[in-house]
Amino acid sequence: MDQEKVLNIAKEYAAAVRKVVDATAIFLYGSYAKGTATKDSDIDIAVVVDKIPGDYLNTMTTLWRLTRSVNHDIEPVLLTAADDESGFLNTVQKTGIAV
């Protein structure tokens, strides 16, 4: 898939997510953001929230269900800035594309 098509998919997914989750930011990250995607690459999307609304697993289930209506190659992750001890969110913010 070309970069422009993936970016449009990411934007469509972000719009769907924002209808059900109070996201502070949503990023396309990984190989498509870096320009290193192959035919087998998935579409990595990070959903950033101040606080996870309710139960983490329920929210992740919601994010996965939304992929069905947009594109099955989307691989969502749910992140909170306050709980990012690993620095993963920082990497996503530096190398990803806000959508």
PDB file of N, CA and C in Angstrom:
ATOM      1  N   MET A   1       0.840  -1.180   0.000  1.00  0.00           N
ATOM      2  CA  MET A   1       0.000   0.000   0.000  1.00  0.00           C
ATOM      3  C   MET A   1       0.884   1.242   0.000  1.00  0.00           C
ATOM      4  N   ASP A   2       0.480   2.252  -0.729  1.00  0.00           N
ATOM      5  CA  ASP A   2       1.319   3.452  -0.757  1.00  0.00           C
ATOM      6  C   ASP A   2       1.042   4.339   0.463  1.00  0.00           C
ATOM      7  N   GLN A   3       1.987   5.210   0.729  1.00  0.00           N
ATOM      8  CA  GLN A   3       1.968   6.062   1.927  1.00  0.00           C
ATOM      9  C   GLN A   3       0.706   6.919   2.005  1.00  0.00           C
ATOM     10  N   GLU A   4       0.296   7.489   0.884  1.00  0.00           N
ATOM     11  CA  GLU A   4      -0.882   8.364   0.885  1.00  0.00           C
ATOM     12  C   GLU A   4      -2.145   7.590   1.257  1.00  0.00           C
ATOM     13  N   LYS A   5      -2.287   6.384   0.711  1.00  0.00           N
ATOM     14  CA  LYS A   5      -3.460   5.567   1.031  1.00  0.00           C
ATOM     15  C   LYS A   5      -3.468   5.203   2.515  1.00  0.00           C
ATOM     16  N   VAL A   6      -2.315   4.827   3.050  1.00  0.00           N
ATOM     17  CA  VAL A   6      -2.220   4.470   4.466  1.00  0.00           C
ATOM     18  C   VAL A   6      -2.535   5.676   5.344  1.00  0.00           C
ATOM     19  N   LEU A   7      -2.060   6.840   4.965  1.00  0.00           N
ATOM     20  CA  LEU A   7      -2.346   8.050   5.737  1.00  0.00           C
ATOM     21  C   LEU A   7      -3.847   8.334   5.746  1.00  0.00           C
ATOM     22  N   ASN A   8      -4.519   8.136   4.620  1.00  0.00           N
ATOM     23  CA  ASN A   8      -5.968   8.322   4.567  1.00  0.00           C
ATOM     24  C   ASN A   8      -6.692   7.302   5.442  1.00  0.00           C
ATOM     25  N   ILE A   9      -6.221   6.058   5.434  1.00  0.00           N
ATOM     26  CA  ILE A   9      -6.797   5.026   6.302  1.00  0.00           C
ATOM     27  C   ILE A   9      -6.609   5.417   7.767  1.00  0.00           C
ATOM     28  N   ALA A  10      -5.416   5.882   8.112  1.00  0.00           N
ATOM     29  CA  ALA A  10      -5.130   6.296   9.489  1.00  0.00           C
ATOM     30  C   ALA A  10      -6.040   7.448   9.911  1.00  0.00           C
ATOM     31  N   LYS A  11      -6.260   8.399   9.028  1.00  0.00           N
ATOM     32  CA  LYS A  11      -7.143   9.529   9.343  1.00  0.00           C
ATOM     33  C   LYS A  11      -8.586   9.071   9.526  1.00  0.00           C
ATOM     34  N   GLU A  12      -9.030   8.140   8.686  1.00  0.00           N
ATOM     35  CA  GLU A  12     -10.387   7.609   8.810  1.00  0.00           C
ATOM     36  C   GLU A  12     -10.549   6.870  10.142  1.00  0.00           C
ATOM     37  N   TYR A  13      -9.553   6.078  10.493  1.00  0.00           N
ATOM     38  CA  TYR A  13      -9.592   5.355  11.764  1.00  0.00           C
ATOM     39  C   TYR A  13      -9.571   6.334  12.940  1.00  0.00           C
ATOM     40  N   ALA A  14      -8.731   7.350  12.862  1.00  0.00           N
ATOM     41  CA  ALA A  14      -8.645   8.352  13.928  1.00  0.00           C
ATOM     42  C   ALA A  14      -9.997   9.036  14.139  1.00  0.00           C
ATOM     43  N   ALA A  15     -10.686   9.348  13.052  1.00  0.00           N
ATOM     44  CA  ALA A  15     -12.004   9.980  13.165  1.00  0.00           C
ATOM     45  C   ALA A  15     -12.991   9.048  13.869  1.00  0.00           C
ATOM     46  N   ALA A  16     -12.942   7.760  13.543  1.00  0.00           N
ATOM     47  CA  ALA A  16     -13.826   6.786  14.187  1.00  0.00           C
ATOM     48  C   ALA A  16     -13.490   6.651  15.671  1.00  0.00           C
ATOM     49  N   VAL A  17     -12.211   6.630  15.997  1.00  0.00           N
ATOM     50  CA  VAL A  17     -11.777   6.512  17.393  1.00  0.00           C
ATOM     51  C   VAL A  17     -12.252   7.711  18.199  1.00  0.00           C
ATOM     52  N   ARG A  18     -12.100   8.897  17.641  1.00  0.00           N
ATOM     53  CA  ARG A  18     -12.462  10.122  18.374  1.00  0.00           C
ATOM     54  C   ARG A  18     -13.956  10.195  18.700  1.00  0.00           C
ATOM     55  N   LYS A  19     -14.773   9.435  17.986  1.00  0.00           N
ATOM     56  CA  LYS A  19     -16.205   9.407  18.284  1.00  0.00           C
ATOM     57  C   LYS A  19     -16.509   8.631  19.563  1.00  0.00           C
ATOM     58  N   VAL A  20     -15.587   7.733  19.955  1.00  0.00           N
ATOM     59  CA  VAL A  20     -15.873   6.876  21.108  1.00  0.00           C
ATOM     60  C   VAL A  20     -14.844   6.955  22.233  1.00  0.00           C
ATOM     61  N   VAL A  21     -13.679   7.531  21.952  1.00  0.00           N
ATOM     62  CA  VAL A  21     -12.616   7.644  22.956  1.00  0.00           C
ATOM     63  C   VAL A  21     -12.116   9.083  22.964  1.00  0.00           C
ATOM     64  N   ASP A  22     -11.921   9.643  24.146  1.00  0.00           N
ATOM     65  CA  ASP A  22     -11.415  11.010  24.272  1.00  0.00           C
ATOM     66  C   ASP A  22      -9.889  10.999  24.117  1.00  0.00           C
ATOM     67  N   ALA A  23      -9.437  10.863  22.877  1.00  0.00           N
ATOM     68  CA  ALA A  23      -8.000  10.777  22.593  1.00  0.00           C
ATOM     69  C   ALA A  23      -7.377  12.167  22.571  1.00  0.00           C
ATOM     70  N   THR A  24      -6.213  12.299  23.202  1.00  0.00           N
ATOM     71  CA  THR A  24      -5.483  13.565  23.153  1.00  0.00           C
ATOM     72  C   THR A  24      -4.625  13.644  21.899  1.00  0.00           C
ATOM     73  N   ALA A  25      -4.256  12.489  21.348  1.00  0.00           N
ATOM     74  CA  ALA A  25      -3.480  12.428  20.109  1.00  0.00           C
ATOM     75  C   ALA A  25      -3.604  11.031  19.520  1.00  0.00           C
ATOM     76  N   ILE A  26      -3.472  10.958  18.208  1.00  0.00           N
ATOM     77  CA  ILE A  26      -3.452   9.675  17.507  1.00  0.00           C
ATOM     78  C   ILE A  26      -2.335   9.752  16.478  1.00  0.00           C
ATOM     79  N   PHE A  27      -1.490   8.726  16.456  1.00  0.00           N
ATOM     80  CA  PHE A  27      -0.323   8.713  15.580  1.00  0.00           C
ATOM     81  C   PHE A  27      -0.287   7.470  14.704  1.00  0.00           C
ATOM     82  N   LEU A  28       0.101   7.670  13.462  1.00  0.00           N
ATOM     83  CA  LEU A  28       0.551   6.577  12.610  1.00  0.00           C
ATOM     84  C   LEU A  28       2.029   6.437  12.913  1.00  0.00           C
ATOM     85  N   TYR A  29       2.466   5.248  13.282  1.00  0.00           N
ATOM     86  CA  TYR A  29       3.880   5.056  13.606  1.00  0.00           C
ATOM     87  C   TYR A  29       4.358   3.755  12.967  1.00  0.00           C
ATOM     88  N   GLY A  30       5.597   3.430  13.186  1.00  0.00           N
ATOM     89  CA  GLY A  30       6.123   2.179  12.650  1.00  0.00           C
ATOM     90  C   GLY A  30       6.600   2.321  11.221  1.00  0.00           C
ATOM     91  N   SER A  31       6.561   1.219  10.493  1.00  0.00           N
ATOM     92  CA  SER A  31       7.176   1.176   9.163  1.00  0.00           C
ATOM     93  C   SER A  31       6.545   2.145   8.169  1.00  0.00           C
ATOM     94  N   TYR A  32       5.231   2.338   8.233  1.00  0.00           N
ATOM     95  CA  TYR A  32       4.616   3.283   7.289  1.00  0.00           C
ATOM     96  C   TYR A  32       5.018   4.718   7.593  1.00  0.00           C
ATOM     97  N   ALA A  33       5.161   5.061   8.839  1.00  0.00           N
ATOM     98  CA  ALA A  33       5.602   6.414   9.195  1.00  0.00           C
ATOM     99  C   ALA A  33       7.066   6.623   8.842  1.00  0.00           C
ATOM    100  N   LYS A  34       7.853   5.561   8.940  1.00  0.00           N
ATOM    101  CA  LYS A  34       9.290   5.657   8.651  1.00  0.00           C
ATOM    102  C   LYS A  34       9.613   5.500   7.170  1.00  0.00           C
ATOM    103  N   GLY A  35       8.628   5.050   6.381  1.00  0.00           N
ATOM    104  CA  GLY A  35       8.868   4.836   4.959  1.00  0.00           C
ATOM    105  C   GLY A  35       9.582   3.529   4.659  1.00  0.00           C
ATOM    106  N   THR A  36       9.477   2.567   5.567  1.00  0.00           N
ATOM    107  CA  THR A  36      10.155   1.284   5.381  1.00  0.00           C
ATOM    108  C   THR A  36       9.179   0.118   5.264  1.00  0.00           C
ATOM    109  N   ALA A  37       7.933   0.403   4.955  1.00  0.00           N
ATOM    110  CA  ALA A  37       6.908  -0.638   4.903  1.00  0.00           C
ATOM    111  C   ALA A  37       7.150  -1.607   3.751  1.00  0.00           C
ATOM    112  N   THR A  38       6.742  -2.845   3.979  1.00  0.00           N
ATOM    113  CA  THR A  38       6.772  -3.877   2.947  1.00  0.00           C
ATOM    114  C   THR A  38       5.338  -4.325   2.692  1.00  0.00           C
ATOM    115  N   LYS A  39       5.154  -5.250   1.780  1.00  0.00           N
ATOM    116  CA  LYS A  39       3.798  -5.722   1.476  1.00  0.00           C
ATOM    117  C   LYS A  39       3.145  -6.416   2.673  1.00  0.00           C
ATOM    118  N   ASP A  40       3.941  -6.880   3.617  1.00  0.00           N
ATOM    119  CA  ASP A  40       3.415  -7.567   4.794  1.00  0.00           C
ATOM    120  C   ASP A  40       3.253  -6.662   6.018  1.00  0.00           C
ATOM    121  N   SER A  41       3.533  -5.382   5.874  1.00  0.00           N
ATOM    122  CA  SER A  41       3.471  -4.461   7.017  1.00  0.00           C
ATOM    123  C   SER A  41       2.033  -4.215   7.460  1.00  0.00           C
ATOM    124  N   ASP A  42       1.862  -4.091   8.767  1.00  0.00           N
ATOM    125  CA  ASP A  42       0.569  -3.678   9.288  1.00  0.00           C
ATOM    126  C   ASP A  42       0.578  -2.157   9.451  1.00  0.00           C
ATOM    127  N   ILE A  43      -0.566  -1.612   9.800  1.00  0.00           N
ATOM    128  CA  ILE A  43      -0.706  -0.169   9.971  1.00  0.00           C
ATOM    129  C   ILE A  43      -0.762   0.104  11.470  1.00  0.00           C
ATOM    130  N   ASP A  44       0.354   0.565  12.011  1.00  0.00           N
ATOM    131  CA  ASP A  44       0.467   0.792  13.450  1.00  0.00           C
ATOM    132  C   ASP A  44      -0.129   2.146  13.823  1.00  0.00           C
ATOM    133  N   ILE A  45      -1.103   2.112  14.727  1.00  0.00           N
ATOM    134  CA  ILE A  45      -1.767   3.332  15.183  1.00  0.00           C
ATOM    135  C   ILE A  45      -1.697   3.396  16.707  1.00  0.00           C
ATOM    136  N   ALA A  46      -1.174   4.500  17.225  1.00  0.00           N
ATOM    137  CA  ALA A  46      -1.128   4.727  18.669  1.00  0.00           C
ATOM    138  C   ALA A  46      -2.218   5.718  19.052  1.00  0.00           C
ATOM    139  N   VAL A  47      -3.062   5.317  19.984  1.00  0.00           N
ATOM    140  CA  VAL A  47      -4.121   6.174  20.508  1.00  0.00           C
ATOM    141  C   VAL A  47      -3.674   6.618  21.900  1.00  0.00           C
ATOM    142  N   VAL A  48      -3.511   7.922  22.066  1.00  0.00           N
ATOM    143  CA  VAL A  48      -3.006   8.475  23.320  1.00  0.00           C
ATOM    144  C   VAL A  48      -4.162   9.128  24.076  1.00  0.00           C
ATOM    145  N   VAL A  49      -4.287   8.774  25.350  1.00  0.00           N
ATOM    146  CA  VAL A  49      -5.331   9.342  26.201  1.00  0.00           C
ATOM    147  C   VAL A  49      -4.704   9.851  27.496  1.00  0.00           C
ATOM    148  N   ASP A  50      -5.374  10.824  28.118  1.00  0.00           N
ATOM    149  CA  ASP A  50      -4.919  11.278  29.436  1.00  0.00           C
ATOM    150  C   ASP A  50      -5.170  10.194  30.472  1.00  0.00           C
ATOM    151  N   LYS A  51      -6.360   9.600  30.372  1.00  0.00           N
ATOM    152  CA  LYS A  51      -6.756   8.549  31.310  1.00  0.00           C
ATOM    153  C   LYS A  51      -7.556   7.513  30.536  1.00  0.00           C
ATOM    154  N   ILE A  52      -7.268   6.257  30.785  1.00  0.00           N
ATOM    155  CA  ILE A  52      -8.009   5.195  30.104  1.00  0.00           C
ATOM    156  C   ILE A  52      -9.446   5.206  30.621  1.00  0.00           C
ATOM    157  N   PRO A  53     -10.396   5.327  29.679  1.00  0.00           N
ATOM    158  CA  PRO A  53     -11.802   5.395  30.088  1.00  0.00           C
ATOM    159  C   PRO A  53     -12.306   4.022  30.530  1.00  0.00           C
ATOM    160  N   GLY A  54     -12.467   3.837  31.820  1.00  0.00           N
ATOM    161  CA  GLY A  54     -12.946   2.552  32.321  1.00  0.00           C
ATOM    162  C   GLY A  54     -11.862   1.491  32.302  1.00  0.00           C
ATOM    163  N   ASP A  55     -12.204   0.344  31.802  1.00  0.00           N
ATOM    164  CA  ASP A  55     -11.325  -0.818  31.793  1.00  0.00           C
ATOM    165  C   ASP A  55     -10.436  -0.829  30.542  1.00  0.00           C
ATOM    166  N   TYR A  56      -9.145  -1.073  30.730  1.00  0.00           N
ATOM    167  CA  TYR A  56      -8.186  -1.106  29.611  1.00  0.00           C
ATOM    168  C   TYR A  56      -8.610  -2.119  28.544  1.00  0.00           C
ATOM    169  N   LEU A  57      -8.953  -3.325  28.953  1.00  0.00           N
ATOM    170  CA  LEU A  57      -9.304  -4.360  27.976  1.00  0.00           C
ATOM    171  C   LEU A  57     -10.565  -4.014  27.196  1.00  0.00           C
ATOM    172  N   ASN A  58     -11.544  -3.416  27.854  1.00  0.00           N
ATOM    173  CA  ASN A  58     -12.755  -2.997  27.146  1.00  0.00           C
ATOM    174  C   ASN A  58     -12.438  -1.920  26.115  1.00  0.00           C
ATOM    175  N   THR A  59     -11.575  -0.989  26.487  1.00  0.00           N
ATOM    176  CA  THR A  59     -11.198   0.074  25.556  1.00  0.00           C
ATOM    177  C   THR A  59     -10.427  -0.504  24.373  1.00  0.00           C
ATOM    178  N   MET A  60      -9.514  -1.432  24.639  1.00  0.00           N
ATOM    179  CA  MET A  60      -8.771  -2.068  23.546  1.00  0.00           C
ATOM    180  C   MET A  60      -9.704  -2.856  22.629  1.00  0.00           C
ATOM    181  N   THR A  61     -10.691  -3.520  23.211  1.00  0.00           N
ATOM    182  CA  THR A  61     -11.671  -4.246  22.402  1.00  0.00           C
ATOM    183  C   THR A  61     -12.401  -3.282  21.479  1.00  0.00           C
ATOM    184  N   THR A  62     -12.759  -2.129  21.999  1.00  0.00           N
ATOM    185  CA  THR A  62     -13.413  -1.105  21.182  1.00  0.00           C
ATOM    186  C   THR A  62     -12.504  -0.663  20.042  1.00  0.00           C
ATOM    187  N   LEU A  63     -11.234  -0.410  20.346  1.00  0.00           N
ATOM    188  CA  LEU A  63     -10.291   0.015  19.304  1.00  0.00           C
ATOM    189  C   LEU A  63     -10.145  -1.056  18.228  1.00  0.00           C
ATOM    190  N   TRP A  64     -10.081  -2.315  18.635  1.00  0.00           N
ATOM    191  CA  TRP A  64      -9.970  -3.406  17.656  1.00  0.00           C
ATOM    192  C   TRP A  64     -11.242  -3.530  16.822  1.00  0.00           C
ATOM    193  N   ARG A  65     -12.397  -3.372  17.445  1.00  0.00           N
ATOM    194  CA  ARG A  65     -13.656  -3.466  16.687  1.00  0.00           C
ATOM    195  C   ARG A  65     -13.732  -2.384  15.615  1.00  0.00           C
ATOM    196  N   LEU A  66     -13.227  -1.214  15.937  1.00  0.00           N
ATOM    197  CA  LEU A  66     -13.251  -0.124  14.957  1.00  0.00           C
ATOM    198  C   LEU A  66     -12.391  -0.439  13.734  1.00  0.00           C
ATOM    199  N   THR A  67     -11.369  -1.268  13.900  1.00  0.00           N
ATOM    200  CA  THR A  67     -10.523  -1.607  12.742  1.00  0.00           C
ATOM    201  C   THR A  67     -11.326  -2.345  11.685  1.00  0.00           C
ATOM    202  N   ARG A  68     -12.312  -3.112  12.108  1.00  0.00           N
ATOM    203  CA  ARG A  68     -13.125  -3.893  11.162  1.00  0.00           C
ATOM    204  C   ARG A  68     -13.834  -3.013  10.145  1.00  0.00           C
ATOM    205  N   SER A  69     -14.260  -1.835  10.581  1.00  0.00           N
ATOM    206  CA  SER A  69     -15.007  -0.954   9.682  1.00  0.00           C
ATOM    207  C   SER A  69     -14.101  -0.057   8.843  1.00  0.00           C
ATOM    208  N   VAL A  70     -12.802  -0.052   9.144  1.00  0.00           N
ATOM    209  CA  VAL A  70     -11.878   0.818   8.407  1.00  0.00           C
ATOM    210  C   VAL A  70     -10.894  -0.003   7.581  1.00  0.00           C
ATOM    211  N   ASN A  71     -10.059  -0.815   8.249  1.00  0.00           N
ATOM    212  CA  ASN A  71      -9.071  -1.637   7.541  1.00  0.00           C
ATOM    213  C   ASN A  71      -8.531  -2.696   8.497  1.00  0.00           C
ATOM    214  N   HIS A  72      -8.550  -3.938   8.050  1.00  0.00           N
ATOM    215  CA  HIS A  72      -8.123  -5.044   8.922  1.00  0.00           C
ATOM    216  C   HIS A  72      -6.620  -5.075   9.185  1.00  0.00           C
ATOM    217  N   ASP A  73      -5.841  -4.271   8.483  1.00  0.00           N
ATOM    218  CA  ASP A  73      -4.390  -4.222   8.702  1.00  0.00           C
ATOM    219  C   ASP A  73      -3.991  -3.304   9.862  1.00  0.00           C
ATOM    220  N   ILE A  74      -4.949  -2.579  10.421  1.00  0.00           N
ATOM    221  CA  ILE A  74      -4.650  -1.660  11.525  1.00  0.00           C
ATOM    222  C   ILE A  74      -4.354  -2.450  12.798  1.00  0.00           C
ATOM    223  N   GLU A  75      -3.273  -2.046  13.469  1.00  0.00           N
ATOM    224  CA  GLU A  75      -2.867  -2.631  14.758  1.00  0.00           C
ATOM    225  C   GLU A  75      -2.838  -1.492  15.789  1.00  0.00           C
ATOM    226  N   PRO A  76      -3.924  -1.318  16.547  1.00  0.00           N
ATOM    227  CA  PRO A  76      -3.953  -0.207  17.501  1.00  0.00           C
ATOM    228  C   PRO A  76      -3.243  -0.529  18.814  1.00  0.00           C
ATOM    229  N   VAL A  77      -2.680   0.509  19.419  1.00  0.00           N
ATOM    230  CA  VAL A  77      -2.178   0.430  20.791  1.00  0.00           C
ATOM    231  C   VAL A  77      -2.754   1.614  21.554  1.00  0.00           C
ATOM    232  N   LEU A  78      -2.990   1.418  22.834  1.00  0.00           N
ATOM    233  CA  LEU A  78      -3.552   2.450  23.700  1.00  0.00           C
ATOM    234  C   LEU A  78      -2.485   2.876  24.690  1.00  0.00           C
ATOM    235  N   LEU A  79      -2.189   4.171  24.720  1.00  0.00           N
ATOM    236  CA  LEU A  79      -1.113   4.687  25.562  1.00  0.00           C
ATOM    237  C   LEU A  79      -1.586   5.863  26.411  1.00  0.00           C
ATOM    238  N   THR A  80      -1.007   5.969  27.605  1.00  0.00           N
ATOM    239  CA  THR A  80      -1.202   7.157  28.429  1.00  0.00           C
ATOM    240  C   THR A  80       0.167   7.753  28.717  1.00  0.00           C
ATOM    241  N   ALA A  81       0.255   9.064  28.627  1.00  0.00           N
ATOM    242  CA  ALA A  81       1.538   9.732  28.847  1.00  0.00           C
ATOM    243  C   ALA A  81       2.048   9.497  30.265  1.00  0.00           C
ATOM    244  N   ALA A  82       1.159   9.488  31.224  1.00  0.00           N
ATOM    245  CA  ALA A  82       1.563   9.349  32.624  1.00  0.00           C
ATOM    246  C   ALA A  82       2.159   7.979  32.934  1.00  0.00           C
ATOM    247  N   ASP A  83       1.758   6.964  32.186  1.00  0.00           N
ATOM    248  CA  ASP A  83       2.207   5.601  32.470  1.00  0.00           C
ATOM    249  C   ASP A  83       3.256   5.098  31.487  1.00  0.00           C
ATOM    250  N   ASP A  84       3.930   5.994  30.788  1.00  0.00           N
ATOM    251  CA  ASP A  84       4.877   5.584  29.754  1.00  0.00           C
ATOM    252  C   ASP A  84       6.307   5.565  30.284  1.00  0.00           C
ATOM    253  N   GLU A  85       6.571   4.645  31.180  1.00  0.00           N
ATOM    254  CA  GLU A  85       7.907   4.541  31.760  1.00  0.00           C
ATOM    255  C   GLU A  85       8.938   4.035  30.754  1.00  0.00           C
ATOM    256  N   SER A  86       8.491   3.311  29.741  1.00  0.00           N
ATOM    257  CA  SER A  86       9.417   2.728  28.766  1.00  0.00           C
ATOM    258  C   SER A  86       9.944   3.748  27.763  1.00  0.00           C
ATOM    259  N   GLY A  87       9.241   4.867  27.605  1.00  0.00           N
ATOM    260  CA  GLY A  87       9.632   5.854  26.609  1.00  0.00           C
ATOM    261  C   GLY A  87       9.070   5.577  25.228  1.00  0.00           C
ATOM    262  N   PHE A  88       8.195   4.561  25.126  1.00  0.00           N
ATOM    263  CA  PHE A  88       7.617   4.203  23.832  1.00  0.00           C
ATOM    264  C   PHE A  88       6.825   5.359  23.232  1.00  0.00           C
ATOM    265  N   LEU A  89       6.012   6.019  24.044  1.00  0.00           N
ATOM    266  CA  LEU A  89       5.223   7.147  23.546  1.00  0.00           C
ATOM    267  C   LEU A  89       6.134   8.243  23.012  1.00  0.00           C
ATOM    268  N   ASN A  90       7.211   8.514  23.693  1.00  0.00           N
ATOM    269  CA  ASN A  90       8.161   9.524  23.235  1.00  0.00           C
ATOM    270  C   ASN A  90       8.695   9.171  21.846  1.00  0.00           C
ATOM    271  N   THR A  91       9.010   7.911  21.630  1.00  0.00           N
ATOM    272  CA  THR A  91       9.485   7.458  20.321  1.00  0.00           C
ATOM    273  C   THR A  91       8.402   7.623  19.269  1.00  0.00           C
ATOM    274  N   VAL A  92       7.170   7.258  19.611  1.00  0.00           N
ATOM    275  CA  VAL A  92       6.046   7.401  18.682  1.00  0.00           C
ATOM    276  C   VAL A  92       5.860   8.872  18.312  1.00  0.00           C
ATOM    277  N   GLN A  93       5.947   9.759  19.290  1.00  0.00           N
ATOM    278  CA  GLN A  93       5.779  11.188  19.023  1.00  0.00           C
ATOM    279  C   GLN A  93       6.881  11.726  18.118  1.00  0.00           C
ATOM    280  N   LYS A  94       8.088  11.226  18.272  1.00  0.00           N
ATOM    281  CA  LYS A  94       9.218  11.709  17.468  1.00  0.00           C
ATOM    282  C   LYS A  94       9.214  11.153  16.052  1.00  0.00           C
ATOM    283  N   THR A  95       8.845   9.883  15.903  1.00  0.00           N
ATOM    284  CA  THR A  95       8.959   9.233  14.593  1.00  0.00           C
ATOM    285  C   THR A  95       7.629   9.055  13.883  1.00  0.00           C
ATOM    286  N   GLY A  96       6.523   9.244  14.612  1.00  0.00           N
ATOM    287  CA  GLY A  96       5.210   9.022  14.027  1.00  0.00           C
ATOM    288  C   GLY A  96       4.647  10.253  13.340  1.00  0.00           C
ATOM    289  N   ILE A  97       3.473  10.058  12.760  1.00  0.00           N
ATOM    290  CA  ILE A  97       2.757  11.124  12.062  1.00  0.00           C
ATOM    291  C   ILE A  97       1.426  11.323  12.778  1.00  0.00           C
ATOM    292  N   ALA A  98       1.188  12.516  13.293  1.00  0.00           N
ATOM    293  CA  ALA A  98      -0.080  12.814  13.962  1.00  0.00           C
ATOM    294  C   ALA A  98      -1.204  12.804  12.937  1.00  0.00           C
ATOM    295  N   VAL A  99      -2.306  12.128  13.290  1.00  0.00           N
ATOM    296  CA  VAL A  99      -3.459  12.072  12.377  1.00  0.00           C
ATOM    297  C   VAL A  99      -4.715  12.525  13.097  1.00  0.00           C
TER     298      VAL A  99
END
